[in-house]
């Protein structure tokens, strides 16, 4: 998805990876969030789902996005979240 913040167009995307239950890292899955400005990836965040958790894409995306936005200003984070929730279900 694309978001506009202070006149700059950022691209957000998510990737989900799943693991077998007998994997050595003891994870059910990982959700990664990437934020790019033009061709440059400027931020990223990840949400890890342990074997005891239920894997829910929406929850993983929110956690990964929050971690990716950590270095953004409060105002910029709010703008991204407003546009994110205008596009997807809460």
N, C-alpha and C. Protein backbone atom coordinates (compact mmCIF):
# COMPACT_ATOMS: atom_id res chain seq x y z
N UNK A 1 0.84 -1.17 0.00
CA UNK A 1 0.00 0.00 0.00
C UNK A 1 0.89 1.24 0.00
N UNK A 2 0.35 2.32 -0.47
CA UNK A 2 1.09 3.58 -0.48
C UNK A 2 0.46 4.54 0.51
N UNK A 3 1.32 5.28 1.22
CA UNK A 3 0.84 6.30 2.16
C UNK A 3 1.58 7.60 1.87
N UNK A 4 0.89 8.70 2.05
CA UNK A 4 1.47 10.02 1.82
C UNK A 4 1.70 10.69 3.17
N UNK A 5 2.96 11.02 3.46
CA UNK A 5 3.33 11.65 4.72
C UNK A 5 4.22 12.85 4.41
N UNK A 6 3.76 14.03 4.80
CA UNK A 6 4.50 15.28 4.57
C UNK A 6 4.93 15.44 3.11
N UNK A 7 4.05 15.08 2.21
CA UNK A 7 4.32 15.23 0.79
C UNK A 7 5.20 14.15 0.19
N UNK A 8 5.59 13.16 0.99
CA UNK A 8 6.41 12.05 0.49
C UNK A 8 5.57 10.79 0.41
N UNK A 9 5.71 10.06 -0.70
CA UNK A 9 4.95 8.84 -0.87
C UNK A 9 5.79 7.63 -0.45
N UNK A 10 5.34 6.97 0.60
CA UNK A 10 6.00 5.77 1.11
C UNK A 10 5.23 4.55 0.64
N UNK A 11 5.93 3.47 0.47
CA UNK A 11 5.30 2.20 0.13
C UNK A 11 5.47 1.27 1.32
N UNK A 12 4.38 0.66 1.76
CA UNK A 12 4.40 -0.32 2.85
C UNK A 12 4.05 -1.67 2.26
N UNK A 13 4.76 -2.71 2.68
CA UNK A 13 4.35 -4.05 2.30
C UNK A 13 4.75 -5.03 3.39
N UNK A 14 4.05 -6.16 3.35
CA UNK A 14 4.23 -7.18 4.37
C UNK A 14 4.59 -8.50 3.72
N UNK A 15 5.38 -9.29 4.42
CA UNK A 15 5.70 -10.65 3.99
C UNK A 15 5.49 -11.57 5.19
N UNK A 16 4.89 -12.72 4.92
CA UNK A 16 4.62 -13.70 5.96
C UNK A 16 5.42 -14.97 5.68
N UNK A 17 6.08 -15.50 6.68
CA UNK A 17 6.82 -16.74 6.56
C UNK A 17 6.29 -17.72 7.60
N UNK A 18 6.10 -18.96 7.19
CA UNK A 18 5.58 -19.98 8.09
C UNK A 18 6.60 -21.10 8.24
N UNK A 19 6.58 -21.76 9.40
CA UNK A 19 7.54 -22.82 9.70
C UNK A 19 6.81 -24.08 10.12
N UNK A 20 7.47 -25.23 9.92
CA UNK A 20 6.96 -26.49 10.43
C UNK A 20 7.05 -26.47 11.95
N UNK A 21 6.23 -27.26 12.60
CA UNK A 21 6.22 -27.26 14.06
C UNK A 21 7.51 -27.80 14.68
N UNK A 22 8.28 -28.57 13.93
CA UNK A 22 9.53 -29.12 14.48
C UNK A 22 10.75 -28.30 14.06
N UNK A 23 10.55 -27.04 13.74
CA UNK A 23 11.66 -26.18 13.30
C UNK A 23 12.56 -25.83 14.48
N UNK A 24 13.84 -25.59 14.22
CA UNK A 24 14.78 -25.32 15.32
C UNK A 24 14.58 -23.96 16.00
N UNK A 25 13.93 -23.01 15.36
CA UNK A 25 13.76 -21.68 15.97
C UNK A 25 12.51 -21.60 16.85
N UNK A 26 11.71 -22.66 16.88
CA UNK A 26 10.51 -22.74 17.72
C UNK A 26 9.53 -21.59 17.45
N UNK A 27 9.35 -21.27 16.18
CA UNK A 27 8.39 -20.25 15.78
C UNK A 27 7.37 -20.84 14.83
N UNK A 28 6.15 -20.34 14.91
CA UNK A 28 5.10 -20.75 13.98
C UNK A 28 5.19 -19.91 12.70
N UNK A 29 5.55 -18.64 12.87
CA UNK A 29 5.64 -17.77 11.71
C UNK A 29 6.21 -16.41 12.05
N UNK A 30 6.53 -15.67 11.00
CA UNK A 30 7.06 -14.32 11.12
C UNK A 30 6.32 -13.43 10.14
N UNK A 31 5.97 -12.23 10.59
CA UNK A 31 5.42 -11.21 9.70
C UNK A 31 6.41 -10.07 9.65
N UNK A 32 6.87 -9.74 8.45
CA UNK A 32 7.80 -8.63 8.26
C UNK A 32 7.07 -7.47 7.60
N UNK A 33 7.40 -6.26 8.01
CA UNK A 33 6.87 -5.04 7.40
C UNK A 33 8.05 -4.23 6.87
N UNK A 34 7.93 -3.76 5.66
CA UNK A 34 8.96 -2.94 5.05
C UNK A 34 8.36 -1.61 4.61
N UNK A 35 9.12 -0.55 4.79
CA UNK A 35 8.69 0.79 4.36
C UNK A 35 9.78 1.34 3.46
N UNK A 36 9.39 1.72 2.25
CA UNK A 36 10.38 2.27 1.32
C UNK A 36 9.95 3.66 0.86
N UNK A 37 10.95 4.43 0.52
CA UNK A 37 10.78 5.76 -0.06
C UNK A 37 11.53 5.70 -1.38
N UNK A 38 10.78 5.69 -2.47
CA UNK A 38 11.42 5.45 -3.76
C UNK A 38 11.92 4.02 -3.80
N UNK A 39 13.17 3.85 -4.19
CA UNK A 39 13.76 2.51 -4.27
C UNK A 39 14.46 2.10 -2.98
N UNK A 40 14.54 3.00 -2.01
CA UNK A 40 15.29 2.74 -0.77
C UNK A 40 14.38 2.28 0.35
N UNK A 41 14.72 1.15 0.96
CA UNK A 41 13.98 0.69 2.13
C UNK A 41 14.47 1.52 3.32
N UNK A 42 13.55 2.26 3.94
CA UNK A 42 13.94 3.18 5.02
C UNK A 42 13.62 2.65 6.41
N UNK A 43 12.78 1.61 6.49
CA UNK A 43 12.44 1.06 7.81
C UNK A 43 11.88 -0.35 7.65
N UNK A 44 11.98 -1.09 8.73
CA UNK A 44 11.43 -2.44 8.74
C UNK A 44 11.14 -2.88 10.15
N UNK A 45 10.21 -3.80 10.29
CA UNK A 45 9.87 -4.34 11.59
C UNK A 45 9.37 -5.75 11.42
N UNK A 46 9.41 -6.53 12.49
CA UNK A 46 8.99 -7.92 12.43
C UNK A 46 8.16 -8.28 13.65
N UNK A 47 7.24 -9.20 13.46
CA UNK A 47 6.44 -9.78 14.54
C UNK A 47 6.67 -11.29 14.49
N UNK A 48 7.03 -11.86 15.62
CA UNK A 48 7.30 -13.29 15.70
C UNK A 48 6.12 -13.99 16.37
N UNK A 49 5.72 -15.11 15.81
CA UNK A 49 4.61 -15.88 16.35
C UNK A 49 5.18 -17.19 16.90
N UNK A 50 5.10 -17.35 18.21
CA UNK A 50 5.64 -18.57 18.82
C UNK A 50 4.71 -19.74 18.57
N UNK A 51 5.18 -20.94 18.84
CA UNK A 51 4.39 -22.14 18.60
C UNK A 51 3.10 -22.15 19.42
N UNK A 52 3.09 -21.52 20.58
CA UNK A 52 1.90 -21.50 21.42
C UNK A 52 0.87 -20.45 21.03
N UNK A 53 1.22 -19.57 20.10
CA UNK A 53 0.31 -18.50 19.68
C UNK A 53 -0.51 -18.93 18.47
N UNK A 54 -1.65 -18.28 18.28
CA UNK A 54 -2.41 -18.43 17.04
C UNK A 54 -1.87 -17.43 16.04
N UNK A 55 -1.59 -17.88 14.83
CA UNK A 55 -1.08 -16.97 13.80
C UNK A 55 -2.26 -16.20 13.21
N UNK A 56 -2.25 -14.88 13.40
CA UNK A 56 -3.30 -14.00 12.86
C UNK A 56 -2.58 -12.92 12.05
N UNK A 57 -2.78 -12.93 10.73
CA UNK A 57 -2.08 -11.98 9.87
C UNK A 57 -2.30 -10.53 10.31
N UNK A 58 -3.53 -10.17 10.62
CA UNK A 58 -3.83 -8.78 10.98
C UNK A 58 -3.05 -8.36 12.22
N UNK A 59 -2.96 -9.23 13.21
CA UNK A 59 -2.23 -8.91 14.43
C UNK A 59 -0.74 -8.78 14.14
N UNK A 60 -0.20 -9.71 13.36
CA UNK A 60 1.21 -9.65 12.99
C UNK A 60 1.55 -8.39 12.21
N UNK A 61 0.65 -7.99 11.32
CA UNK A 61 0.88 -6.78 10.54
C UNK A 61 0.91 -5.54 11.43
N UNK A 62 0.00 -5.46 12.39
CA UNK A 62 -0.02 -4.30 13.28
C UNK A 62 1.25 -4.22 14.13
N UNK A 63 1.69 -5.35 14.65
CA UNK A 63 2.91 -5.37 15.47
C UNK A 63 4.12 -5.02 14.62
N UNK A 64 4.23 -5.63 13.44
CA UNK A 64 5.37 -5.36 12.56
C UNK A 64 5.39 -3.91 12.10
N UNK A 65 4.22 -3.36 11.76
CA UNK A 65 4.15 -1.96 11.33
C UNK A 65 4.54 -1.03 12.47
N UNK A 66 4.04 -1.30 13.67
CA UNK A 66 4.40 -0.47 14.82
C UNK A 66 5.91 -0.46 15.02
N UNK A 67 6.54 -1.59 14.88
CA UNK A 67 8.00 -1.67 15.04
C UNK A 67 8.73 -0.97 13.91
N UNK A 68 8.19 -1.04 12.71
CA UNK A 68 8.82 -0.36 11.57
C UNK A 68 8.71 1.16 11.71
N UNK A 69 7.65 1.63 12.34
CA UNK A 69 7.43 3.07 12.48
C UNK A 69 8.14 3.68 13.69
N UNK A 70 8.86 2.88 14.43
CA UNK A 70 9.48 3.33 15.68
C UNK A 70 10.32 4.60 15.53
N UNK A 71 11.03 4.74 14.44
CA UNK A 71 11.91 5.89 14.24
C UNK A 71 11.21 7.10 13.62
N UNK A 72 9.94 6.95 13.24
CA UNK A 72 9.18 8.06 12.68
C UNK A 72 8.68 8.95 13.82
N UNK A 73 8.41 10.20 13.52
CA UNK A 73 7.87 11.10 14.54
C UNK A 73 6.45 10.69 14.88
N UNK A 74 5.97 11.14 16.02
CA UNK A 74 4.62 10.80 16.47
C UNK A 74 3.57 11.23 15.44
N UNK A 75 3.72 12.43 14.89
CA UNK A 75 2.77 12.94 13.90
C UNK A 75 2.79 12.08 12.64
N UNK A 76 3.99 11.69 12.20
CA UNK A 76 4.09 10.86 11.00
C UNK A 76 3.52 9.46 11.25
N UNK A 77 3.76 8.90 12.44
CA UNK A 77 3.19 7.59 12.78
C UNK A 77 1.67 7.65 12.74
N UNK A 78 1.10 8.72 13.32
CA UNK A 78 -0.35 8.87 13.33
C UNK A 78 -0.90 8.93 11.91
N UNK A 79 -0.22 9.66 11.04
CA UNK A 79 -0.67 9.78 9.65
C UNK A 79 -0.65 8.42 8.95
N UNK A 80 0.40 7.65 9.18
CA UNK A 80 0.50 6.32 8.57
C UNK A 80 -0.62 5.42 9.10
N UNK A 81 -0.82 5.42 10.43
CA UNK A 81 -1.88 4.58 11.01
C UNK A 81 -3.26 4.98 10.49
N UNK A 82 -3.52 6.28 10.38
CA UNK A 82 -4.82 6.73 9.87
C UNK A 82 -5.05 6.20 8.45
N UNK A 83 -4.04 6.27 7.61
CA UNK A 83 -4.18 5.78 6.24
C UNK A 83 -4.26 4.25 6.20
N UNK A 84 -3.52 3.59 7.08
CA UNK A 84 -3.55 2.13 7.15
C UNK A 84 -4.96 1.66 7.52
N UNK A 85 -5.54 2.23 8.58
CA UNK A 85 -6.86 1.80 9.03
C UNK A 85 -7.97 2.25 8.08
N UNK A 86 -7.73 3.26 7.27
CA UNK A 86 -8.71 3.64 6.27
C UNK A 86 -8.75 2.61 5.12
N UNK A 87 -7.67 1.83 5.01
CA UNK A 87 -7.56 0.85 3.93
C UNK A 87 -7.93 -0.55 4.37
N UNK A 88 -7.59 -0.91 5.61
CA UNK A 88 -7.85 -2.28 6.09
C UNK A 88 -8.82 -2.26 7.27
N UNK A 89 -9.36 -3.42 7.58
CA UNK A 89 -10.24 -3.54 8.75
C UNK A 89 -9.44 -3.41 10.02
N UNK A 90 -10.01 -2.85 11.07
CA UNK A 90 -9.32 -2.70 12.36
C UNK A 90 -9.21 -4.00 13.08
